[in-house]
Amino acid sequence: MSNTPDIRPVGDLPHSMGKTAPRELKYAGIDSLQKASKHTEKELLAIHGVGPKAIRVMKEAMAEKGLSFRQD
């Protein structure tokens, strides 16, 4: 069993991202898909705990809301 604190929900970030990515995004000041859309995938991947799965899950949720990551 993991001792990682579960602070979900974090804004409208998808629950399916796991525990670590939403927590670390929140610590970085990103607590919504709208705020995530202001960043590139590369910038978000540089945040500890945010990996390809979290990016994929956010990308799908963002598409449903007409959002996307900022392009380089």
PDB file of N, CA and C in Angstrom:
ATOM      1  N   MET A   1       0.838  -1.181   0.000  1.00  0.00           N
ATOM      2  CA  MET A   1       0.000   0.000   0.000  1.00  0.00           C
ATOM      3  C   MET A   1       0.884   1.246   0.000  1.00  0.00           C
ATOM      4  N   SER A   2       0.471   2.233  -0.766  1.00  0.00           N
ATOM      5  CA  SER A   2       1.245   3.457  -0.923  1.00  0.00           C
ATOM      6  C   SER A   2       0.906   4.460   0.168  1.00  0.00           C
ATOM      7  N   ASN A   3       1.903   5.234   0.573  1.00  0.00           N
ATOM      8  CA  ASN A   3       1.693   6.297   1.554  1.00  0.00           C
ATOM      9  C   ASN A   3       1.524   7.656   0.886  1.00  0.00           C
ATOM     10  N   THR A   4       1.307   7.659  -0.431  1.00  0.00           N
ATOM     11  CA  THR A   4       1.131   8.902  -1.162  1.00  0.00           C
ATOM     12  C   THR A   4      -0.187   9.553  -0.754  1.00  0.00           C
ATOM     13  N   PRO A   5      -0.146  10.792  -0.262  1.00  0.00           N
ATOM     14  CA  PRO A   5      -1.391  11.461   0.121  1.00  0.00           C
ATOM     15  C   PRO A   5      -2.312  11.642  -1.084  1.00  0.00           C
ATOM     16  N   ASP A   6      -3.572  11.377  -0.871  1.00  0.00           N
ATOM     17  CA  ASP A   6      -4.566  11.523  -1.934  1.00  0.00           C
ATOM     18  C   ASP A   6      -5.359  12.802  -1.666  1.00  0.00           C
ATOM     19  N   ILE A   7      -5.081  13.848  -2.436  1.00  0.00           N
ATOM     20  CA  ILE A   7      -5.754  15.133  -2.227  1.00  0.00           C
ATOM     21  C   ILE A   7      -6.845  15.378  -3.270  1.00  0.00           C
ATOM     22  N   ARG A   8      -7.158  14.330  -4.043  1.00  0.00           N
ATOM     23  CA  ARG A   8      -8.192  14.488  -5.055  1.00  0.00           C
ATOM     24  C   ARG A   8      -9.541  14.691  -4.388  1.00  0.00           C
ATOM     25  N   PRO A   9     -10.460  15.380  -5.018  1.00  0.00           N
ATOM     26  CA  PRO A   9     -10.344  15.959  -6.351  1.00  0.00           C
ATOM     27  C   PRO A   9      -9.555  17.270  -6.344  1.00  0.00           C
ATOM     28  N   VAL A  10      -8.890  17.498  -7.454  1.00  0.00           N
ATOM     29  CA  VAL A  10      -8.173  18.752  -7.674  1.00  0.00           C
ATOM     30  C   VAL A  10      -8.859  19.418  -8.854  1.00  0.00           C
ATOM     31  N   GLY A  11      -9.673  20.414  -8.548  1.00  0.00           N
ATOM     32  CA  GLY A  11     -10.411  21.110  -9.608  1.00  0.00           C
ATOM     33  C   GLY A  11     -11.136  20.117 -10.495  1.00  0.00           C
ATOM     34  N   ASP A  12     -10.987  20.302 -11.801  1.00  0.00           N
ATOM     35  CA  ASP A  12     -11.619  19.385 -12.749  1.00  0.00           C
ATOM     36  C   ASP A  12     -10.615  18.421 -13.377  1.00  0.00           C
ATOM     37  N   LEU A  13      -9.437  18.267 -12.730  1.00  0.00           N
ATOM     38  CA  LEU A  13      -8.465  17.299 -13.240  1.00  0.00           C
ATOM     39  C   LEU A  13      -9.050  15.905 -13.079  1.00  0.00           C
ATOM     40  N   PRO A  14      -8.924  15.064 -14.105  1.00  0.00           N
ATOM     41  CA  PRO A  14      -9.539  13.736 -14.071  1.00  0.00           C
ATOM     42  C   PRO A  14      -9.012  12.867 -12.932  1.00  0.00           C
ATOM     43  N   HIS A  15      -9.924  12.209 -12.253  1.00  0.00           N
ATOM     44  CA  HIS A  15      -9.601  11.296 -11.154  1.00  0.00           C
ATOM     45  C   HIS A  15      -8.735  10.137 -11.657  1.00  0.00           C
ATOM     46  N   SER A  16      -8.910   9.758 -12.906  1.00  0.00           N
ATOM     47  CA  SER A  16      -8.199   8.611 -13.476  1.00  0.00           C
ATOM     48  C   SER A  16      -6.710   8.874 -13.702  1.00  0.00           C
ATOM     49  N   MET A  17      -6.242  10.090 -13.408  1.00  0.00           N
ATOM     50  CA  MET A  17      -4.822  10.396 -13.540  1.00  0.00           C
ATOM     51  C   MET A  17      -4.004   9.738 -12.444  1.00  0.00           C
ATOM     52  N   GLY A  18      -4.655   9.259 -11.395  1.00  0.00           N
ATOM     53  CA  GLY A  18      -3.936   8.708 -10.255  1.00  0.00           C
ATOM     54  C   GLY A  18      -3.847   9.746  -9.150  1.00  0.00           C
ATOM     55  N   LYS A  19      -3.015   9.481  -8.151  1.00  0.00           N
ATOM     56  CA  LYS A  19      -2.894  10.399  -7.013  1.00  0.00           C
ATOM     57  C   LYS A  19      -1.761  11.409  -7.169  1.00  0.00           C
ATOM     58  N   THR A  20      -0.643  10.954  -7.690  1.00  0.00           N
ATOM     59  CA  THR A  20       0.552  11.792  -7.694  1.00  0.00           C
ATOM     60  C   THR A  20       0.453  12.969  -8.650  1.00  0.00           C
ATOM     61  N   ALA A  21       0.036  12.731  -9.885  1.00  0.00           N
ATOM     62  CA  ALA A  21       0.010  13.805 -10.880  1.00  0.00           C
ATOM     63  C   ALA A  21      -0.875  14.973 -10.449  1.00  0.00           C
ATOM     64  N   PRO A  22      -2.125  14.744 -10.026  1.00  0.00           N
ATOM     65  CA  PRO A  22      -2.942  15.891  -9.607  1.00  0.00           C
ATOM     66  C   PRO A  22      -2.335  16.651  -8.429  1.00  0.00           C
ATOM     67  N   ARG A  23      -1.757  15.916  -7.478  1.00  0.00           N
ATOM     68  CA  ARG A  23      -1.140  16.563  -6.320  1.00  0.00           C
ATOM     69  C   ARG A  23       0.015  17.454  -6.754  1.00  0.00           C
ATOM     70  N   GLU A  24       0.891  16.927  -7.594  1.00  0.00           N
ATOM     71  CA  GLU A  24       2.059  17.699  -8.026  1.00  0.00           C
ATOM     72  C   GLU A  24       1.661  18.862  -8.925  1.00  0.00           C
ATOM     73  N   LEU A  25       0.648  18.667  -9.751  1.00  0.00           N
ATOM     74  CA  LEU A  25       0.149  19.771 -10.574  1.00  0.00           C
ATOM     75  C   LEU A  25      -0.399  20.882  -9.685  1.00  0.00           C
ATOM     76  N   LYS A  26      -1.146  20.504  -8.660  1.00  0.00           N
ATOM     77  CA  LYS A  26      -1.694  21.511  -7.748  1.00  0.00           C
ATOM     78  C   LYS A  26      -0.566  22.283  -7.067  1.00  0.00           C
ATOM     79  N   TYR A  27       0.471  21.571  -6.616  1.00  0.00           N
ATOM     80  CA  TYR A  27       1.606  22.242  -5.989  1.00  0.00           C
ATOM     81  C   TYR A  27       2.280  23.208  -6.967  1.00  0.00           C
ATOM     82  N   ALA A  28       2.172  22.925  -8.270  1.00  0.00           N
ATOM     83  CA  ALA A  28       2.759  23.792  -9.298  1.00  0.00           C
ATOM     84  C   ALA A  28       1.789  24.906  -9.720  1.00  0.00           C
ATOM     85  N   GLY A  29       0.633  24.980  -9.056  1.00  0.00           N
ATOM     86  CA  GLY A  29      -0.332  26.040  -9.359  1.00  0.00           C
ATOM     87  C   GLY A  29      -1.302  25.694 -10.473  1.00  0.00           C
ATOM     88  N   ILE A  30      -1.338  24.428 -10.872  1.00  0.00           N
ATOM     89  CA  ILE A  30      -2.226  23.995 -11.958  1.00  0.00           C
ATOM     90  C   ILE A  30      -3.310  23.123 -11.349  1.00  0.00           C
ATOM     91  N   ASP A  31      -4.494  23.710 -11.165  1.00  0.00           N
ATOM     92  CA  ASP A  31      -5.573  22.975 -10.519  1.00  0.00           C
ATOM     93  C   ASP A  31      -6.820  22.860 -11.391  1.00  0.00           C
ATOM     94  N   SER A  32      -6.627  23.025 -12.700  1.00  0.00           N
ATOM     95  CA  SER A  32      -7.758  22.869 -13.625  1.00  0.00           C
ATOM     96  C   SER A  32      -7.227  22.553 -15.017  1.00  0.00           C
ATOM     97  N   LEU A  33      -8.102  22.017 -15.836  1.00  0.00           N
ATOM     98  CA  LEU A  33      -7.733  21.748 -17.229  1.00  0.00           C
ATOM     99  C   LEU A  33      -7.449  23.058 -17.962  1.00  0.00           C
ATOM    100  N   GLN A  34      -8.181  24.109 -17.617  1.00  0.00           N
ATOM    101  CA  GLN A  34      -7.954  25.413 -18.236  1.00  0.00           C
ATOM    102  C   GLN A  34      -6.527  25.893 -17.969  1.00  0.00           C
ATOM    103  N   LYS A  35      -6.075  25.758 -16.736  1.00  0.00           N
ATOM    104  CA  LYS A  35      -4.707  26.173 -16.402  1.00  0.00           C
ATOM    105  C   LYS A  35      -3.690  25.259 -17.079  1.00  0.00           C
ATOM    106  N   ALA A  36      -3.992  23.967 -17.168  1.00  0.00           N
ATOM    107  CA  ALA A  36      -3.085  23.030 -17.836  1.00  0.00           C
ATOM    108  C   ALA A  36      -2.944  23.392 -19.311  1.00  0.00           C
ATOM    109  N   SER A  37      -4.005  23.930 -19.907  1.00  0.00           N
ATOM    110  CA  SER A  37      -3.979  24.266 -21.337  1.00  0.00           C
ATOM    111  C   SER A  37      -3.025  25.414 -21.649  1.00  0.00           C
ATOM    112  N   LYS A  38      -2.578  26.121 -20.642  1.00  0.00           N
ATOM    113  CA  LYS A  38      -1.642  27.224 -20.840  1.00  0.00           C
ATOM    114  C   LYS A  38      -0.191  26.738 -20.904  1.00  0.00           C
ATOM    115  N   HIS A  39      -0.006  25.427 -20.773  1.00  0.00           N
ATOM    116  CA  HIS A  39       1.326  24.827 -20.767  1.00  0.00           C
ATOM    117  C   HIS A  39       1.479  23.832 -21.899  1.00  0.00           C
ATOM    118  N   THR A  40       2.714  23.588 -22.288  1.00  0.00           N
ATOM    119  CA  THR A  40       2.985  22.550 -23.289  1.00  0.00           C
ATOM    120  C   THR A  40       3.064  21.205 -22.574  1.00  0.00           C
ATOM    121  N   GLU A  41       2.932  20.138 -23.342  1.00  0.00           N
ATOM    122  CA  GLU A  41       3.078  18.803 -22.777  1.00  0.00           C
ATOM    123  C   GLU A  41       4.465  18.666 -22.157  1.00  0.00           C
ATOM    124  N   LYS A  42       5.466  19.192 -22.833  1.00  0.00           N
ATOM    125  CA  LYS A  42       6.843  19.098 -22.354  1.00  0.00           C
ATOM    126  C   LYS A  42       7.004  19.773 -20.991  1.00  0.00           C
ATOM    127  N   GLU A  43       6.394  20.941 -20.825  1.00  0.00           N
ATOM    128  CA  GLU A  43       6.464  21.643 -19.542  1.00  0.00           C
ATOM    129  C   GLU A  43       5.823  20.818 -18.432  1.00  0.00           C
ATOM    130  N   LEU A  44       4.685  20.222 -18.730  1.00  0.00           N
ATOM    131  CA  LEU A  44       3.990  19.436 -17.716  1.00  0.00           C
ATOM    132  C   LEU A  44       4.739  18.152 -17.397  1.00  0.00           C
ATOM    133  N   LEU A  45       5.326  17.533 -18.405  1.00  0.00           N
ATOM    134  CA  LEU A  45       6.100  16.314 -18.172  1.00  0.00           C
ATOM    135  C   LEU A  45       7.331  16.571 -17.309  1.00  0.00           C
ATOM    136  N   ALA A  46       7.775  17.813 -17.245  1.00  0.00           N
ATOM    137  CA  ALA A  46       8.936  18.166 -16.425  1.00  0.00           C
ATOM    138  C   ALA A  46       8.582  18.225 -14.937  1.00  0.00           C
ATOM    139  N   ILE A  47       7.287  18.199 -14.617  1.00  0.00           N
ATOM    140  CA  ILE A  47       6.843  18.232 -13.223  1.00  0.00           C
ATOM    141  C   ILE A  47       6.911  16.816 -12.674  1.00  0.00           C
ATOM    142  N   HIS A  48       7.567  16.659 -11.542  1.00  0.00           N
ATOM    143  CA  HIS A  48       7.677  15.350 -10.905  1.00  0.00           C
ATOM    144  C   HIS A  48       6.297  14.723 -10.745  1.00  0.00           C
ATOM    145  N   GLY A  49       6.165  13.472 -11.129  1.00  0.00           N
ATOM    146  CA  GLY A  49       4.903  12.752 -10.958  1.00  0.00           C
ATOM    147  C   GLY A  49       3.953  12.864 -12.129  1.00  0.00           C
ATOM    148  N   VAL A  50       4.270  13.698 -13.097  1.00  0.00           N
ATOM    149  CA  VAL A  50       3.413  13.845 -14.279  1.00  0.00           C
ATOM    150  C   VAL A  50       4.089  13.088 -15.416  1.00  0.00           C
ATOM    151  N   GLY A  51       3.457  12.008 -15.840  1.00  0.00           N
ATOM    152  CA  GLY A  51       4.021  11.182 -16.892  1.00  0.00           C
ATOM    153  C   GLY A  51       3.109  11.087 -18.100  1.00  0.00           C
ATOM    154  N   PRO A  52       3.464  10.227 -19.030  1.00  0.00           N
ATOM    155  CA  PRO A  52       2.682  10.076 -20.263  1.00  0.00           C
ATOM    156  C   PRO A  52       1.215   9.724 -20.026  1.00  0.00           C
ATOM    157  N   LYS A  53       0.936   8.899 -19.005  1.00  0.00           N
ATOM    158  CA  LYS A  53      -0.467   8.539 -18.730  1.00  0.00           C
ATOM    159  C   LYS A  53      -1.267   9.777 -18.329  1.00  0.00           C
ATOM    160  N   ALA A  54      -0.706  10.586 -17.440  1.00  0.00           N
ATOM    161  CA  ALA A  54      -1.410  11.790 -16.996  1.00  0.00           C
ATOM    162  C   ALA A  54      -1.657  12.729 -18.170  1.00  0.00           C
ATOM    163  N   ILE A  55      -0.674  12.860 -19.043  1.00  0.00           N
ATOM    164  CA  ILE A  55      -0.830  13.723 -20.222  1.00  0.00           C
ATOM    165  C   ILE A  55      -1.942  13.186 -21.114  1.00  0.00           C
ATOM    166  N   ARG A  56      -1.949  11.880 -21.353  1.00  0.00           N
ATOM    167  CA  ARG A  56      -2.971  11.266 -22.204  1.00  0.00           C
ATOM    168  C   ARG A  56      -4.365  11.473 -21.609  1.00  0.00           C
ATOM    169  N   VAL A  57      -4.510  11.241 -20.313  1.00  0.00           N
ATOM    170  CA  VAL A  57      -5.813  11.398 -19.651  1.00  0.00           C
ATOM    171  C   VAL A  57      -6.264  12.855 -19.712  1.00  0.00           C
ATOM    172  N   MET A  58      -5.344  13.791 -19.433  1.00  0.00           N
ATOM    173  CA  MET A  58      -5.709  15.212 -19.510  1.00  0.00           C
ATOM    174  C   MET A  58      -6.072  15.619 -20.927  1.00  0.00           C
ATOM    175  N   LYS A  59      -5.320  15.122 -21.899  1.00  0.00           N
ATOM    176  CA  LYS A  59      -5.576  15.473 -23.296  1.00  0.00           C
ATOM    177  C   LYS A  59      -6.995  15.058 -23.706  1.00  0.00           C
ATOM    178  N   GLU A  60      -7.396  13.851 -23.301  1.00  0.00           N
ATOM    179  CA  GLU A  60      -8.746  13.372 -23.624  1.00  0.00           C
ATOM    180  C   GLU A  60      -9.802  14.227 -22.942  1.00  0.00           C
ATOM    181  N   ALA A  61      -9.602  14.551 -21.664  1.00  0.00           N
ATOM    182  CA  ALA A  61     -10.565  15.371 -20.930  1.00  0.00           C
ATOM    183  C   ALA A  61     -10.619  16.787 -21.492  1.00  0.00           C
ATOM    184  N   MET A  62      -9.464  17.314 -21.886  1.00  0.00           N
ATOM    185  CA  MET A  62      -9.418  18.653 -22.457  1.00  0.00           C
ATOM    186  C   MET A  62     -10.150  18.705 -23.791  1.00  0.00           C
ATOM    187  N   ALA A  63      -9.981  17.678 -24.612  1.00  0.00           N
ATOM    188  CA  ALA A  63     -10.642  17.639 -25.918  1.00  0.00           C
ATOM    189  C   ALA A  63     -12.161  17.705 -25.758  1.00  0.00           C
ATOM    190  N   GLU A  64     -12.684  17.052 -24.722  1.00  0.00           N
ATOM    191  CA  GLU A  64     -14.131  17.085 -24.470  1.00  0.00           C
ATOM    192  C   GLU A  64     -14.619  18.489 -24.143  1.00  0.00           C
ATOM    193  N   LYS A  65     -13.722  19.342 -23.665  1.00  0.00           N
ATOM    194  CA  LYS A  65     -14.070  20.716 -23.307  1.00  0.00           C
ATOM    195  C   LYS A  65     -13.582  21.722 -24.344  1.00  0.00           C
ATOM    196  N   GLY A  66     -13.071  21.233 -25.471  1.00  0.00           N
ATOM    197  CA  GLY A  66     -12.589  22.121 -26.512  1.00  0.00           C
ATOM    198  C   GLY A  66     -11.257  22.769 -26.184  1.00  0.00           C
ATOM    199  N   LEU A  67     -10.493  22.170 -25.287  1.00  0.00           N
ATOM    200  CA  LEU A  67      -9.186  22.699 -24.899  1.00  0.00           C
ATOM    201  C   LEU A  67      -8.076  21.827 -25.452  1.00  0.00           C
ATOM    202  N   SER A  68      -6.876  22.354 -25.454  1.00  0.00           N
ATOM    203  CA  SER A  68      -5.697  21.568 -25.829  1.00  0.00           C
ATOM    204  C   SER A  68      -4.482  22.195 -25.171  1.00  0.00           C
ATOM    205  N   PHE A  69      -3.398  21.438 -25.132  1.00  0.00           N
ATOM    206  CA  PHE A  69      -2.158  21.964 -24.581  1.00  0.00           C
ATOM    207  C   PHE A  69      -1.614  23.048 -25.492  1.00  0.00           C
ATOM    208  N   ARG A  70      -0.885  23.997 -24.905  1.00  0.00           N
ATOM    209  CA  ARG A  70      -0.220  25.034 -25.692  1.00  0.00           C
ATOM    210  C   ARG A  70       0.830  24.345 -26.561  1.00  0.00           C
ATOM    211  N   GLN A  71       0.974  24.827 -27.767  1.00  0.00           N
ATOM    212  CA  GLN A  71       1.966  24.279 -28.684  1.00  0.00           C
ATOM    213  C   GLN A  71       3.283  25.008 -28.501  1.00  0.00           C
ATOM    214  N   ASP A  72       4.390  24.298 -28.734  1.00  0.00           N
ATOM    215  CA  ASP A  72       5.726  24.908 -28.604  1.00  0.00           C
ATOM    216  C   ASP A  72       5.871  26.108 -29.506  1.00  0.00           C
TER     217      ASP A  72
END
